[in-house]
């Protein structure tokens, strides 16, 4: 659900090249965007406003990734 004050409820999704298999990856009620996989595909990094201590503060998050 988008925050009615700023409307910035972005989440990350995965999808196959053919458009099938849509899968939601993040569920935080904040801005999650700009994902990138490591070159070996084992980690995912993205920008998010979650855990920000000041308005519009953006943090980077790193997660181990396995399929």
PDB file of N, CA and C in Angstrom:
ATOM      1  N   UNK A   1       0.849  -1.182   0.000  1.00  0.00           N
ATOM      2  CA  UNK A   1       0.000   0.000   0.000  1.00  0.00           C
ATOM      3  C   UNK A   1       0.891   1.240   0.000  1.00  0.00           C
ATOM      4  N   UNK A   2       0.616   2.162  -0.855  1.00  0.00           N
ATOM      5  CA  UNK A   2       1.408   3.383  -0.953  1.00  0.00           C
ATOM      6  C   UNK A   2       1.175   4.283   0.236  1.00  0.00           C
ATOM      7  N   UNK A   3       2.214   4.952   0.642  1.00  0.00           N
ATOM      8  CA  UNK A   3       2.121   5.943   1.702  1.00  0.00           C
ATOM      9  C   UNK A   3       1.330   7.132   1.154  1.00  0.00           C
ATOM     10  N   UNK A   4       0.188   7.480   1.763  1.00  0.00           N
ATOM     11  CA  UNK A   4      -0.632   8.560   1.211  1.00  0.00           C
ATOM     12  C   UNK A   4       0.059   9.915   1.224  1.00  0.00           C
ATOM     13  N   UNK A   5       1.112  10.062   2.040  1.00  0.00           N
ATOM     14  CA  UNK A   5       1.812  11.344   2.099  1.00  0.00           C
ATOM     15  C   UNK A   5       2.734  11.562   0.905  1.00  0.00           C
ATOM     16  N   UNK A   6       3.357  10.478   0.427  1.00  0.00           N
ATOM     17  CA  UNK A   6       4.306  10.684  -0.664  1.00  0.00           C
ATOM     18  C   UNK A   6       4.152   9.702  -1.818  1.00  0.00           C
ATOM     19  N   UNK A   7       3.344   8.663  -1.668  1.00  0.00           N
ATOM     20  CA  UNK A   7       3.080   7.734  -2.762  1.00  0.00           C
ATOM     21  C   UNK A   7       4.270   6.952  -3.250  1.00  0.00           C
ATOM     22  N   UNK A   8       5.253   6.724  -2.395  1.00  0.00           N
ATOM     23  CA  UNK A   8       6.483   6.069  -2.832  1.00  0.00           C
ATOM     24  C   UNK A   8       6.620   4.655  -2.295  1.00  0.00           C
ATOM     25  N   UNK A   9       5.653   3.822  -2.537  1.00  0.00           N
ATOM     26  CA  UNK A   9       5.728   2.425  -2.131  1.00  0.00           C
ATOM     27  C   UNK A   9       6.180   1.608  -3.332  1.00  0.00           C
ATOM     28  N   UNK A  10       7.491   1.552  -3.542  1.00  0.00           N
ATOM     29  CA  UNK A  10       8.073   0.785  -4.642  1.00  0.00           C
ATOM     30  C   UNK A  10       8.586  -0.530  -4.072  1.00  0.00           C
ATOM     31  N   UNK A  11       8.349  -1.619  -4.763  1.00  0.00           N
ATOM     32  CA  UNK A  11       8.881  -2.911  -4.373  1.00  0.00           C
ATOM     33  C   UNK A  11       9.620  -3.530  -5.546  1.00  0.00           C
ATOM     34  N   UNK A  12      10.404  -4.564  -5.256  1.00  0.00           N
ATOM     35  CA  UNK A  12      11.174  -5.253  -6.280  1.00  0.00           C
ATOM     36  C   UNK A  12      10.463  -6.532  -6.699  1.00  0.00           C
ATOM     37  N   UNK A  13      10.521  -6.831  -7.981  1.00  0.00           N
ATOM     38  CA  UNK A  13       9.916  -8.033  -8.552  1.00  0.00           C
ATOM     39  C   UNK A  13      10.916  -8.700  -9.486  1.00  0.00           C
ATOM     40  N   UNK A  14      10.775  -9.999  -9.648  1.00  0.00           N
ATOM     41  CA  UNK A  14      11.492 -10.747 -10.680  1.00  0.00           C
ATOM     42  C   UNK A  14      10.473 -11.203 -11.708  1.00  0.00           C
ATOM     43  N   UNK A  15      10.908 -11.295 -12.951  1.00  0.00           N
ATOM     44  CA  UNK A  15      10.040 -11.787 -14.011  1.00  0.00           C
ATOM     45  C   UNK A  15      10.908 -12.459 -15.068  1.00  0.00           C
ATOM     46  N   UNK A  16      10.407 -13.504 -15.677  1.00  0.00           N
ATOM     47  CA  UNK A  16      11.137 -14.178 -16.749  1.00  0.00           C
ATOM     48  C   UNK A  16      11.128 -13.315 -18.009  1.00  0.00           C
ATOM     49  N   UNK A  17      12.065 -13.577 -18.890  1.00  0.00           N
ATOM     50  CA  UNK A  17      12.166 -12.805 -20.126  1.00  0.00           C
ATOM     51  C   UNK A  17      10.898 -12.864 -20.963  1.00  0.00           C
ATOM     52  N   UNK A  18      10.150 -13.970 -20.864  1.00  0.00           N
ATOM     53  CA  UNK A  18       8.922 -14.094 -21.652  1.00  0.00           C
ATOM     54  C   UNK A  18       7.702 -13.482 -20.965  1.00  0.00           C
ATOM     55  N   UNK A  19       7.917 -12.837 -19.816  1.00  0.00           N
ATOM     56  CA  UNK A  19       6.816 -12.177 -19.109  1.00  0.00           C
ATOM     57  C   UNK A  19       6.112 -13.064 -18.097  1.00  0.00           C
ATOM     58  N   UNK A  20       6.497 -14.304 -17.995  1.00  0.00           N
ATOM     59  CA  UNK A  20       5.869 -15.215 -17.035  1.00  0.00           C
ATOM     60  C   UNK A  20       6.617 -15.187 -15.702  1.00  0.00           C
ATOM     61  N   UNK A  21       6.018 -15.784 -14.685  1.00  0.00           N
ATOM     62  CA  UNK A  21       6.700 -15.998 -13.416  1.00  0.00           C
ATOM     63  C   UNK A  21       6.924 -14.766 -12.565  1.00  0.00           C
ATOM     64  N   UNK A  22       6.014 -13.799 -12.619  1.00  0.00           N
ATOM     65  CA  UNK A  22       6.167 -12.591 -11.805  1.00  0.00           C
ATOM     66  C   UNK A  22       6.228 -12.969 -10.329  1.00  0.00           C
ATOM     67  N   UNK A  23       7.290 -12.518  -9.635  1.00  0.00           N
ATOM     68  CA  UNK A  23       7.482 -12.838  -8.227  1.00  0.00           C
ATOM     69  C   UNK A  23       7.915 -11.587  -7.466  1.00  0.00           C
ATOM     70  N   UNK A  24       7.169 -11.244  -6.438  1.00  0.00           N
ATOM     71  CA  UNK A  24       7.508 -10.084  -5.616  1.00  0.00           C
ATOM     72  C   UNK A  24       8.651 -10.444  -4.689  1.00  0.00           C
ATOM     73  N   UNK A  25       9.646  -9.565  -4.569  1.00  0.00           N
ATOM     74  CA  UNK A  25      10.844  -9.821  -3.778  1.00  0.00           C
ATOM     75  C   UNK A  25      10.848  -9.032  -2.473  1.00  0.00           C
ATOM     76  N   UNK A  26      10.410  -7.773  -2.486  1.00  0.00           N
ATOM     77  CA  UNK A  26      10.383  -6.965  -1.261  1.00  0.00           C
ATOM     78  C   UNK A  26       8.949  -6.626  -0.880  1.00  0.00           C
ATOM     79  N   UNK A  27       8.736  -6.435   0.419  1.00  0.00           N
ATOM     80  CA  UNK A  27       7.405  -6.155   0.946  1.00  0.00           C
ATOM     81  C   UNK A  27       7.404  -4.972   1.920  1.00  0.00           C
ATOM     82  N   UNK A  28       8.445  -4.201   1.956  1.00  0.00           N
ATOM     83  CA  UNK A  28       8.508  -3.059   2.876  1.00  0.00           C
ATOM     84  C   UNK A  28       7.601  -1.937   2.372  1.00  0.00           C
ATOM     85  N   UNK A  29       6.961  -1.218   3.285  1.00  0.00           N
ATOM     86  CA  UNK A  29       6.084  -0.112   2.859  1.00  0.00           C
ATOM     87  C   UNK A  29       6.875   1.160   2.559  1.00  0.00           C
ATOM     88  N   UNK A  30       7.984   1.011   1.917  1.00  0.00           N
ATOM     89  CA  UNK A  30       8.878   2.127   1.610  1.00  0.00           C
ATOM     90  C   UNK A  30       9.372   1.997   0.177  1.00  0.00           C
ATOM     91  N   UNK A  31      10.300   2.849  -0.179  1.00  0.00           N
ATOM     92  CA  UNK A  31      10.909   2.893  -1.497  1.00  0.00           C
ATOM     93  C   UNK A  31      11.998   1.822  -1.587  1.00  0.00           C
ATOM     94  N   UNK A  32      11.823   0.819  -2.425  1.00  0.00           N
ATOM     95  CA  UNK A  32      12.841  -0.186  -2.735  1.00  0.00           C
ATOM     96  C   UNK A  32      13.023  -0.159  -4.244  1.00  0.00           C
ATOM     97  N   UNK A  33      14.230   0.160  -4.710  1.00  0.00           N
ATOM     98  CA  UNK A  33      14.422   0.302  -6.153  1.00  0.00           C
ATOM     99  C   UNK A  33      15.887   0.129  -6.529  1.00  0.00           C
ATOM    100  N   UNK A  34      16.166   0.214  -7.807  1.00  0.00           N
ATOM    101  CA  UNK A  34      17.505   0.168  -8.390  1.00  0.00           C
ATOM    102  C   UNK A  34      18.251  -1.121  -8.038  1.00  0.00           C
ATOM    103  N   UNK A  35      17.619  -2.293  -8.224  1.00  0.00           N
ATOM    104  CA  UNK A  35      18.295  -3.549  -7.893  1.00  0.00           C
ATOM    105  C   UNK A  35      19.383  -3.897  -8.903  1.00  0.00           C
ATOM    106  N   UNK A  36      20.422  -4.557  -8.408  1.00  0.00           N
ATOM    107  CA  UNK A  36      21.483  -5.076  -9.268  1.00  0.00           C
ATOM    108  C   UNK A  36      21.995  -6.369  -8.643  1.00  0.00           C
ATOM    109  N   UNK A  37      22.200  -7.374  -9.488  1.00  0.00           N
ATOM    110  CA  UNK A  37      22.814  -8.611  -9.036  1.00  0.00           C
ATOM    111  C   UNK A  37      24.328  -8.484  -9.150  1.00  0.00           C
ATOM    112  N   UNK A  38      25.034  -9.180  -8.257  1.00  0.00           N
ATOM    113  CA  UNK A  38      26.487  -9.259  -8.376  1.00  0.00           C
ATOM    114  C   UNK A  38      26.810 -10.020  -9.656  1.00  0.00           C
ATOM    115  N   UNK A  39      28.027  -9.885 -10.128  1.00  0.00           N
ATOM    116  CA  UNK A  39      28.400 -10.526 -11.393  1.00  0.00           C
ATOM    117  C   UNK A  39      28.282 -12.050 -11.344  1.00  0.00           C
ATOM    118  N   UNK A  40      28.402 -12.650 -10.152  1.00  0.00           N
ATOM    119  CA  UNK A  40      28.247 -14.100 -10.042  1.00  0.00           C
ATOM    120  C   UNK A  40      26.808 -14.513  -9.732  1.00  0.00           C
ATOM    121  N   UNK A  41      25.899 -13.537  -9.592  1.00  0.00           N
ATOM    122  CA  UNK A  41      24.488 -13.821  -9.345  1.00  0.00           C
ATOM    123  C   UNK A  41      24.169 -14.287  -7.935  1.00  0.00           C
ATOM    124  N   UNK A  42      25.129 -14.193  -7.025  1.00  0.00           N
ATOM    125  CA  UNK A  42      24.921 -14.696  -5.664  1.00  0.00           C
ATOM    126  C   UNK A  42      24.434 -13.641  -4.675  1.00  0.00           C
ATOM    127  N   UNK A  43      24.450 -12.384  -5.070  1.00  0.00           N
ATOM    128  CA  UNK A  43      23.998 -11.312  -4.179  1.00  0.00           C
ATOM    129  C   UNK A  43      23.153 -10.311  -4.938  1.00  0.00           C
ATOM    130  N   UNK A  44      22.218  -9.723  -4.209  1.00  0.00           N
ATOM    131  CA  UNK A  44      21.346  -8.682  -4.753  1.00  0.00           C
ATOM    132  C   UNK A  44      21.537  -7.442  -3.894  1.00  0.00           C
ATOM    133  N   UNK A  45      21.759  -6.312  -4.536  1.00  0.00           N
ATOM    134  CA  UNK A  45      21.877  -5.037  -3.831  1.00  0.00           C
ATOM    135  C   UNK A  45      20.793  -4.111  -4.362  1.00  0.00           C
ATOM    136  N   UNK A  46      20.197  -3.287  -3.488  1.00  0.00           N
ATOM    137  CA  UNK A  46      19.186  -2.332  -3.910  1.00  0.00           C
ATOM    138  C   UNK A  46      19.175  -1.140  -2.958  1.00  0.00           C
ATOM    139  N   UNK A  47      18.582  -0.061  -3.406  1.00  0.00           N
ATOM    140  CA  UNK A  47      18.441   1.156  -2.610  1.00  0.00           C
ATOM    141  C   UNK A  47      17.065   1.158  -1.963  1.00  0.00           C
ATOM    142  N   UNK A  48      16.999   1.669  -0.726  1.00  0.00           N
ATOM    143  CA  UNK A  48      15.731   1.717  -0.009  1.00  0.00           C
ATOM    144  C   UNK A  48      15.723   2.861   0.997  1.00  0.00           C
ATOM    145  N   UNK A  49      14.527   3.384   1.254  1.00  0.00           N
ATOM    146  CA  UNK A  49      14.355   4.404   2.290  1.00  0.00           C
ATOM    147  C   UNK A  49      14.036   3.786   3.644  1.00  0.00           C
ATOM    148  N   UNK A  50      13.872   2.459   3.696  1.00  0.00           N
ATOM    149  CA  UNK A  50      13.580   1.823   4.981  1.00  0.00           C
ATOM    150  C   UNK A  50      14.756   2.042   5.932  1.00  0.00           C
ATOM    151  N   UNK A  51      14.451   2.131   7.184  1.00  0.00           N
ATOM    152  CA  UNK A  51      15.429   2.375   8.255  1.00  0.00           C
ATOM    153  C   UNK A  51      16.088   3.741   8.163  1.00  0.00           C
ATOM    154  N   UNK A  52      15.578   4.635   7.341  1.00  0.00           N
ATOM    155  CA  UNK A  52      16.141   5.973   7.243  1.00  0.00           C
ATOM    156  C   UNK A  52      15.884   6.772   8.517  1.00  0.00           C
ATOM    157  N   UNK A  53      16.884   7.521   8.932  1.00  0.00           N
ATOM    158  CA  UNK A  53      16.751   8.335  10.137  1.00  0.00           C
ATOM    159  C   UNK A  53      16.332   9.768   9.823  1.00  0.00           C
ATOM    160  N   UNK A  54      16.381  10.128   8.556  1.00  0.00           N
ATOM    161  CA  UNK A  54      15.996  11.472   8.123  1.00  0.00           C
ATOM    162  C   UNK A  54      15.135  11.339   6.870  1.00  0.00           C
ATOM    163  N   UNK A  55      14.270  12.313   6.603  1.00  0.00           N
ATOM    164  CA  UNK A  55      13.447  12.257   5.389  1.00  0.00           C
ATOM    165  C   UNK A  55      14.319  12.123   4.134  1.00  0.00           C
ATOM    166  N   UNK A  56      13.905  11.269   3.238  1.00  0.00           N
ATOM    167  CA  UNK A  56      14.564  11.043   1.940  1.00  0.00           C
ATOM    168  C   UNK A  56      15.944  10.393   2.060  1.00  0.00           C
ATOM    169  N   UNK A  57      16.312   9.931   3.241  1.00  0.00           N
ATOM    170  CA  UNK A  57      17.583   9.220   3.387  1.00  0.00           C
ATOM    171  C   UNK A  57      17.465   7.863   2.700  1.00  0.00           C
ATOM    172  N   UNK A  58      18.428   7.545   1.870  1.00  0.00           N
ATOM    173  CA  UNK A  58      18.414   6.281   1.142  1.00  0.00           C
ATOM    174  C   UNK A  58      19.589   5.433   1.590  1.00  0.00           C
ATOM    175  N   UNK A  59      19.322   4.169   1.850  1.00  0.00           N
ATOM    176  CA  UNK A  59      20.346   3.224   2.272  1.00  0.00           C
ATOM    177  C   UNK A  59      20.479   2.124   1.233  1.00  0.00           C
ATOM    178  N   UNK A  60      21.615   1.455   1.235  1.00  0.00           N
ATOM    179  CA  UNK A  60      21.821   0.304   0.363  1.00  0.00           C
ATOM    180  C   UNK A  60      21.662  -0.966   1.177  1.00  0.00           C
ATOM    181  N   UNK A  61      21.034  -1.972   0.574  1.00  0.00           N
ATOM    182  CA  UNK A  61      20.830  -3.260   1.213  1.00  0.00           C
ATOM    183  C   UNK A  61      21.448  -4.335   0.339  1.00  0.00           C
ATOM    184  N   UNK A  62      22.049  -5.315   0.978  1.00  0.00           N
ATOM    185  CA  UNK A  62      22.705  -6.411   0.287  1.00  0.00           C
ATOM    186  C   UNK A  62      22.147  -7.716   0.837  1.00  0.00           C
ATOM    187  N   UNK A  63      21.710  -8.595  -0.057  1.00  0.00           N
ATOM    188  CA  UNK A  63      21.151  -9.877   0.361  1.00  0.00           C
ATOM    189  C   UNK A  63      21.836 -11.000  -0.412  1.00  0.00           C
ATOM    190  N   UNK A  64      22.103 -12.092   0.284  1.00  0.00           N
ATOM    191  CA  UNK A  64      22.564 -13.290  -0.405  1.00  0.00           C
ATOM    192  C   UNK A  64      21.394 -13.803  -1.237  1.00  0.00           C
ATOM    193  N   UNK A  65      21.706 -14.319  -2.419  1.00  0.00           N
ATOM    194  CA  UNK A  65      20.658 -14.744  -3.339  1.00  0.00           C
ATOM    195  C   UNK A  65      20.912 -16.163  -3.810  1.00  0.00           C
ATOM    196  N   UNK A  66      19.896 -16.986  -3.741  1.00  0.00           N
ATOM    197  CA  UNK A  66      19.992 -18.329  -4.315  1.00  0.00           C
ATOM    198  C   UNK A  66      18.634 -18.683  -4.885  1.00  0.00           C
ATOM    199  N   UNK A  67      18.631 -19.368  -5.990  1.00  0.00           N
ATOM    200  CA  UNK A  67      17.367 -19.751  -6.630  1.00  0.00           C
ATOM    201  C   UNK A  67      17.053 -21.183  -6.362  1.00  0.00           C
TER     202      UNK A  67
END
